[in-house]
């Protein structure tokens, strides 16, 4: 059977029917377990996962339940998520090459300094790579291509055959935001969310380029910065950006002196509540795939992995 630790996982549940018909005593539900209590469970069936219509199950009627492997993420969902995530992390300089988006941000982050390749390369792989090389070399930057999920599998193989080196493997995780736990009016934690990044936040996350970070981060509607101050210091911080029904949560961090106090979780909760209050019904975050401790923590907080991506850099 399942336990609270399986919330956020894909499960199969067999339910005893209250009024069974002849020859049909049970029914089955397969989908994401989004809530589990002593009286009832809530499961988001695979068939309606995008609409968010959950099924409420009487806990006493559960005959059997088990965790099952994640359902392969549809191409359409990867495409939608990647476009939303790109919009929440806009590079100061961009160019379009067919269905590819070239991005440059003076070296601040891989995402803002790479090609987002969501389609087959325009004009063939060699011609596209030549154009990419020229564009980045003109800016003194190395050519780097982001390859999300199964979308870029063929291109990934082609780049590997040409000697492009893999790096930065990343997991994209999402969580559905519904109910009072994400309601901004119900949030009463320590973190404060403001609509512009402060100097201390930019200094912590700017990687020596706070001005470039400020341009990417943005401010005003649809941008939120959660902060916890202790003793005059910015002890913990994080950023949220809303695009459509999605809030992308990034840059969660805690100063070394304040770690292991739950401040990172507090920042995450604040940004979920802020995103929900600004129209988001899903939260997404990206975490390095080899950071098993962080992935396990996010799973405990209700996030589920949707797909992975990596980069290929010209050696």
Protein backbone atom coordinates (compact mmCIF):
# COMPACT_ATOMS: atom_id res chain seq x y z
CA UNK A 1 0.00 0.00 0.00
CA UNK A 2 0.92 3.64 -0.22
CA UNK A 3 1.92 6.20 2.38
CA UNK A 4 2.17 10.00 2.57
CA UNK A 5 5.64 9.78 1.03
CA UNK A 6 3.99 8.77 -2.26
CA UNK A 7 2.13 12.08 -2.70
CA UNK A 8 3.25 13.51 -6.03
CA UNK A 9 3.96 10.04 -7.46
CA UNK A 10 2.06 8.19 -10.18
CA UNK A 11 -0.04 5.42 -8.63
CA UNK A 12 -2.55 2.70 -9.50
CA UNK A 13 -5.49 2.39 -7.08
CA UNK A 14 -8.17 -0.35 -7.00
CA UNK A 15 -11.44 0.80 -5.42
CA UNK A 16 -14.38 -1.26 -4.14
CA UNK A 17 -17.61 0.04 -5.70
CA UNK A 18 -20.30 1.17 -3.25
CA UNK A 19 -23.09 -0.14 -5.50
CA UNK A 20 -21.51 -2.86 -7.63
CA UNK A 21 -23.15 -4.22 -10.74
CA UNK A 22 -23.17 -7.95 -11.45
CA UNK A 23 -19.66 -9.02 -12.40
CA UNK A 24 -18.14 -5.61 -11.58
CA UNK A 25 -17.13 -5.12 -7.95
CA UNK A 26 -14.08 -2.89 -8.45
CA UNK A 27 -12.84 0.05 -10.49
CA UNK A 28 -9.29 1.28 -11.06
CA UNK A 29 -7.79 4.77 -11.15
CA UNK A 30 -4.30 5.52 -12.47
CA UNK A 31 -2.71 8.92 -12.06
CA UNK A 32 -0.88 11.29 -9.73
CA UNK A 33 -1.58 10.99 -6.01
CA UNK A 34 -2.06 14.62 -4.94
CA UNK A 35 -3.50 14.18 -1.45
CA UNK A 36 -3.69 11.34 1.06
CA UNK A 37 -5.53 11.38 4.38
CA UNK A 38 -7.20 8.95 6.77
CA UNK A 39 -10.66 9.65 5.33
CA UNK A 40 -10.03 10.21 1.62
CA UNK A 41 -7.41 10.26 -1.12
CA UNK A 42 -7.28 12.52 -4.18
CA UNK A 43 -5.85 11.28 -7.48
CA UNK A 44 -5.39 13.24 -10.69
CA UNK A 45 -6.12 10.65 -13.41
CA UNK A 46 -3.79 10.40 -16.39
CA UNK A 47 -6.72 11.02 -18.72
CA UNK A 48 -7.43 14.50 -17.29
CA UNK A 49 -3.99 15.47 -15.97
CA UNK A 50 -3.88 18.70 -17.96
CA UNK A 51 -7.34 19.91 -16.90
CA UNK A 52 -6.63 19.37 -13.21
CA UNK A 53 -9.90 17.57 -12.36
CA UNK A 54 -9.05 15.26 -9.45
CA UNK A 55 -10.95 12.18 -8.25
CA UNK A 56 -11.77 11.92 -4.54
CA UNK A 57 -11.57 8.35 -3.21
CA UNK A 58 -13.02 7.08 0.07
CA UNK A 59 -9.98 5.67 1.89
CA UNK A 60 -12.03 2.80 3.31
CA UNK A 61 -12.91 1.68 -0.23
CA UNK A 62 -9.28 1.27 -1.32
CA UNK A 63 -8.57 -2.42 -1.90
CA UNK A 64 -5.02 -2.12 -3.25
CA UNK A 65 -2.66 0.64 -4.31
CA UNK A 66 0.89 0.84 -5.55
CA UNK A 67 3.36 3.31 -7.02
CA UNK A 68 4.04 2.86 -10.73
CA UNK A 69 6.58 4.37 -13.16
CA UNK A 70 5.90 7.86 -14.52
CA UNK A 71 3.92 8.08 -17.73
CA UNK A 72 6.08 9.28 -20.65
CA UNK A 73 5.67 13.04 -20.97
CA UNK A 74 3.91 13.99 -24.22
CA UNK A 75 5.80 16.09 -26.75
CA UNK A 76 3.11 18.77 -26.48
CA UNK A 77 3.67 19.16 -22.74
CA UNK A 78 7.45 19.42 -23.11
CA UNK A 79 7.01 22.02 -25.84
CA UNK A 80 4.59 24.06 -23.74
CA UNK A 81 6.73 23.91 -20.60
CA UNK A 82 9.91 24.84 -22.43
CA UNK A 83 8.26 27.85 -24.05
CA UNK A 84 6.88 29.01 -20.70
CA UNK A 85 10.23 28.50 -18.98
CA UNK A 86 12.06 30.37 -21.73
CA UNK A 87 9.65 33.30 -21.37
CA UNK A 88 10.31 33.48 -17.62
CA UNK A 89 14.10 33.57 -18.17
CA UNK A 90 14.52 35.99 -21.12
CA UNK A 91 18.02 36.64 -22.41
CA UNK A 92 18.84 40.30 -23.18
CA UNK A 93 19.87 39.34 -26.72
CA UNK A 94 18.09 36.75 -28.86
CA UNK A 95 17.78 35.67 -32.48
CA UNK A 96 15.55 33.14 -34.25
CA UNK A 97 16.88 30.48 -36.54
CA UNK A 98 13.90 28.57 -37.90
CA UNK A 99 12.43 26.91 -34.83
CA UNK A 100 15.58 27.50 -32.78
CA UNK A 101 15.98 30.36 -30.30
CA UNK A 102 19.52 31.71 -29.89
CA UNK A 103 20.12 33.43 -26.53
CA UNK A 104 23.00 35.48 -25.13
CA UNK A 105 23.40 37.09 -21.71
CA UNK A 106 27.10 37.81 -21.28
CA UNK A 107 27.68 34.40 -19.75
CA UNK A 108 25.05 34.61 -17.00
CA UNK A 109 23.64 31.05 -16.73
CA UNK A 110 23.63 28.27 -19.31
CA UNK A 111 19.95 28.79 -20.06
CA UNK A 112 20.35 32.40 -21.13
CA UNK A 113 23.47 31.63 -23.20
CA UNK A 114 22.33 28.66 -25.24
CA UNK A 115 20.21 27.68 -28.20
CA UNK A 116 16.77 26.32 -27.30
CA UNK A 117 16.27 23.63 -29.94
CA UNK A 118 12.66 22.45 -30.03
CA UNK A 119 12.39 21.43 -33.69
CA UNK A 120 14.46 19.84 -36.41
CA UNK A 121 17.38 22.10 -37.40
CA UNK A 122 16.54 24.50 -40.22
CA UNK A 123 18.34 23.79 -43.48
CA UNK A 124 19.95 20.65 -42.08
CA UNK A 125 22.17 20.08 -39.09
CA UNK A 126 25.48 21.24 -40.58
CA UNK A 127 24.07 24.52 -41.90
CA UNK A 128 22.31 25.27 -38.61
CA UNK A 129 25.43 24.53 -36.55
CA UNK A 130 27.52 26.77 -38.77
CA UNK A 131 25.06 29.63 -38.23
CA UNK A 132 25.01 28.99 -34.48
CA UNK A 133 28.82 28.96 -34.36
CA UNK A 134 29.06 32.27 -36.21
CA UNK A 135 26.46 33.95 -33.98
CA UNK A 136 28.10 32.97 -30.70
CA UNK A 137 31.66 33.49 -31.88
CA UNK A 138 30.74 37.07 -32.85
CA UNK A 139 29.91 37.58 -29.17
CA UNK A 140 32.97 35.85 -27.82
CA UNK A 141 30.89 32.96 -26.48
CA UNK A 142 31.01 29.20 -26.94
CA UNK A 143 28.21 27.55 -28.94
CA UNK A 144 25.90 25.67 -26.56
CA UNK A 145 22.61 23.91 -27.38
CA UNK A 146 19.85 22.92 -24.92
CA UNK A 147 18.13 19.62 -25.75
CA UNK A 148 14.92 19.09 -23.76
CA UNK A 149 13.48 15.65 -23.09
CA UNK A 150 12.91 13.28 -25.97
CA UNK A 151 12.33 16.24 -28.30
CA UNK A 152 16.04 16.62 -29.02
CA UNK A 153 17.06 12.94 -29.04
CA UNK A 154 17.90 12.78 -32.73
CA UNK A 155 19.75 16.10 -32.62
CA UNK A 156 21.57 14.99 -29.46
CA UNK A 157 22.83 11.90 -31.29
CA UNK A 158 23.95 14.04 -34.23
CA UNK A 159 25.82 16.46 -31.99
CA UNK A 160 27.49 13.62 -30.10
CA UNK A 161 28.67 12.15 -33.42
CA UNK A 162 30.19 15.54 -34.28
CA UNK A 163 32.12 15.69 -31.00
CA UNK A 164 29.90 18.10 -29.09
CA UNK A 165 30.27 17.37 -25.36
CA UNK A 166 27.35 16.77 -22.99
CA UNK A 167 26.99 18.82 -19.80
CA UNK A 168 24.44 20.27 -17.40
CA UNK A 169 21.91 17.42 -17.27
CA UNK A 170 18.83 18.85 -15.58
CA UNK A 171 15.48 17.55 -14.32
CA UNK A 172 12.29 19.57 -14.83
CA UNK A 173 9.83 19.01 -11.98
CA UNK A 174 6.27 20.29 -11.64
CA UNK A 175 3.58 20.47 -8.98
CA UNK A 176 -0.10 21.28 -9.27
CA UNK A 177 -1.17 24.25 -7.16
CA UNK A 178 -4.68 23.85 -5.79
CA UNK A 179 -6.29 24.39 -2.42
CA UNK A 180 -5.67 26.58 0.61
CA UNK A 181 -2.07 25.42 1.05
CA UNK A 182 -1.09 27.55 -1.96
CA UNK A 183 -3.57 30.38 -1.28
CA UNK A 184 -1.70 33.67 -0.82
CA UNK A 185 -4.32 34.81 1.70
CA UNK A 186 -3.63 31.71 3.83
CA UNK A 187 0.17 32.02 3.77
CA UNK A 188 1.49 33.29 7.09
CA UNK A 189 5.20 32.43 6.96
CA UNK A 190 8.26 34.55 7.54
CA UNK A 191 9.19 35.17 3.90
CA UNK A 192 8.15 38.42 2.25
CA UNK A 193 7.55 38.55 -1.52
CA UNK A 194 8.35 41.79 -3.36
CA UNK A 195 8.07 42.64 -7.06
CA UNK A 196 11.68 43.69 -7.72
CA UNK A 197 15.02 42.07 -6.88
CA UNK A 198 16.94 43.90 -4.16
CA UNK A 199 20.66 44.67 -4.30
CA UNK A 200 21.50 41.92 -1.78
CA UNK A 201 19.62 39.29 -3.80
CA UNK A 202 21.31 40.34 -7.04
CA UNK A 203 24.69 40.25 -5.34
CA UNK A 204 24.08 36.71 -4.07
CA UNK A 205 22.84 35.26 -7.36
CA UNK A 206 24.43 37.59 -9.91
CA UNK A 207 27.65 35.58 -10.25
CA UNK A 208 29.62 38.78 -10.67
CA UNK A 209 27.13 40.26 -13.14
CA UNK A 210 24.24 41.69 -11.07
CA UNK A 211 23.23 44.13 -13.81
CA UNK A 212 22.76 41.31 -16.33
CA UNK A 213 20.90 39.24 -13.74
CA UNK A 214 18.54 42.16 -13.12
CA UNK A 215 17.69 42.35 -16.83
CA UNK A 216 16.90 38.64 -17.00
CA UNK A 217 14.99 38.54 -13.72
CA UNK A 218 12.76 41.55 -14.45
CA UNK A 219 10.40 43.23 -12.03
CA UNK A 220 6.77 44.28 -11.71
CA UNK A 221 3.69 42.19 -12.55
CA UNK A 222 4.41 38.50 -12.91
CA UNK A 223 7.73 38.65 -11.06
CA UNK A 224 8.13 37.91 -7.36
CA UNK A 225 11.16 37.76 -5.05
CA UNK A 226 10.86 35.99 -1.72
CA UNK A 227 13.23 37.12 1.02
CA UNK A 228 13.93 36.16 4.62
CA UNK A 229 16.11 38.56 6.61
CA UNK A 230 17.93 37.62 9.78
CA UNK A 231 20.15 39.98 11.75
CA UNK A 232 20.27 42.53 8.94
CA UNK A 233 21.30 39.90 6.35
CA UNK A 234 19.42 38.38 3.45
CA UNK A 235 19.44 34.87 4.94
CA UNK A 236 17.36 33.14 2.23
CA UNK A 237 15.85 34.12 -1.12
CA UNK A 238 14.18 32.85 -4.27
CA UNK A 239 12.48 34.06 -7.45
CA UNK A 240 9.12 33.30 -9.04
CA UNK A 241 7.97 34.23 -12.55
CA UNK A 242 4.45 33.65 -13.90
CA UNK A 243 3.79 32.74 -17.52
CA UNK A 244 0.32 31.52 -18.42
CA UNK A 245 -0.83 29.13 -15.70
CA UNK A 246 2.74 28.33 -14.65
CA UNK A 247 5.00 29.84 -11.98
CA UNK A 248 8.68 29.05 -12.58
CA UNK A 249 10.59 28.99 -9.30
CA UNK A 250 14.34 29.59 -9.42
CA UNK A 251 17.33 30.80 -7.42
CA UNK A 252 16.32 29.35 -4.08
CA UNK A 253 19.27 29.66 -1.74
CA UNK A 254 20.26 30.12 1.89
CA UNK A 255 23.43 31.64 3.33
CA UNK A 256 25.66 28.98 4.96
CA UNK A 257 25.13 30.33 8.49
CA UNK A 258 21.35 29.86 8.18
CA UNK A 259 21.12 26.44 6.55
CA UNK A 260 19.29 23.43 8.00
CA UNK A 261 16.61 25.69 9.47
CA UNK A 262 13.95 25.08 6.82
CA UNK A 263 14.34 28.51 5.24
CA UNK A 264 14.60 27.13 1.69
CA UNK A 265 11.30 25.29 2.12
CA UNK A 266 9.78 28.46 3.54
CA UNK A 267 10.91 30.42 0.47
CA UNK A 268 9.43 27.76 -1.82
CA UNK A 269 6.07 27.84 0.01
CA UNK A 270 5.97 31.62 -0.21
CA UNK A 271 6.59 31.59 -3.96
CA UNK A 272 3.97 28.87 -4.52
CA UNK A 273 1.42 30.97 -2.63
CA UNK A 274 2.43 34.12 -4.50
CA UNK A 275 2.21 32.30 -7.85
CA UNK A 276 -1.22 30.87 -7.01
CA UNK A 277 -2.41 34.35 -6.06
CA UNK A 278 -1.21 35.60 -9.46
CA UNK A 279 -3.11 33.02 -11.49
CA UNK A 280 -0.66 30.12 -11.59
CA UNK A 281 -2.09 26.64 -11.20
CA UNK A 282 1.20 24.80 -11.70
CA UNK A 283 4.70 25.34 -10.31
CA UNK A 284 7.88 24.27 -12.10
CA UNK A 285 11.49 24.15 -11.05
CA UNK A 286 14.69 22.86 -12.58
CA UNK A 287 17.35 20.99 -10.62
CA UNK A 288 20.62 19.38 -11.66
CA UNK A 289 19.98 15.70 -12.29
CA UNK A 290 22.88 14.52 -10.11
CA UNK A 291 21.57 16.45 -7.08
CA UNK A 292 19.72 13.46 -5.66
CA UNK A 293 19.18 15.07 -2.24
CA UNK A 294 17.43 18.10 -3.75
CA UNK A 295 15.29 15.94 -6.05
CA UNK A 296 14.22 13.79 -3.09
CA UNK A 297 13.35 16.92 -1.08
CA UNK A 298 11.24 18.36 -3.90
CA UNK A 299 9.45 15.02 -4.30
CA UNK A 300 8.57 15.12 -0.59
CA UNK A 301 7.13 18.59 -1.18
CA UNK A 302 4.85 17.30 -3.95
CA UNK A 303 6.93 17.83 -7.10
CA UNK A 304 7.20 15.15 -9.77
CA UNK A 305 9.77 14.89 -12.54
CA UNK A 306 8.32 15.46 -16.02
CA UNK A 307 11.42 15.11 -18.19
CA UNK A 308 15.13 15.84 -18.36
CA UNK A 309 17.28 17.89 -20.67
CA UNK A 310 20.97 18.44 -21.21
CA UNK A 311 23.29 20.74 -23.12
CA UNK A 312 25.80 19.99 -25.83
CA UNK A 313 28.81 22.29 -26.17
CA UNK A 314 31.15 22.46 -29.14
CA UNK A 315 34.52 21.28 -27.91
